Amino acid sequence: MKSVRLPKEIEEKLDSLSTSSNKSHSQIIREALVEYIAKEEQAVTPYDAGKDLFGKRGSGEADRSINYKSRIKEKIREQKSN
């Protein structure tokens, strides 16, 4: 069993909804939580939203992030030799 503190405004709306729908507070809250949880479970993560776009445009160099330090050093040597 869980207890929840509600702001007065929400509690008043819950009372009104309970009266007009002829449902208990607990029933309304349960229904709302079931709906909220279902919505959250279907929510798309940022990765899922863009995963079909990842890798579409690339350098073609699979080790680019691994060898970045050596590429930077090489560029600096090139600049110094010119």
Foldseek 3Di string as FASTA:
>chain_A
DDDDDDDPVVVVVLVVCCVVVVHDSVVVVVVVVVVVVVVVVPDDDPCNVCVVVPPPDDPPDPCCVVCVVVVVVVVVVVVVVD
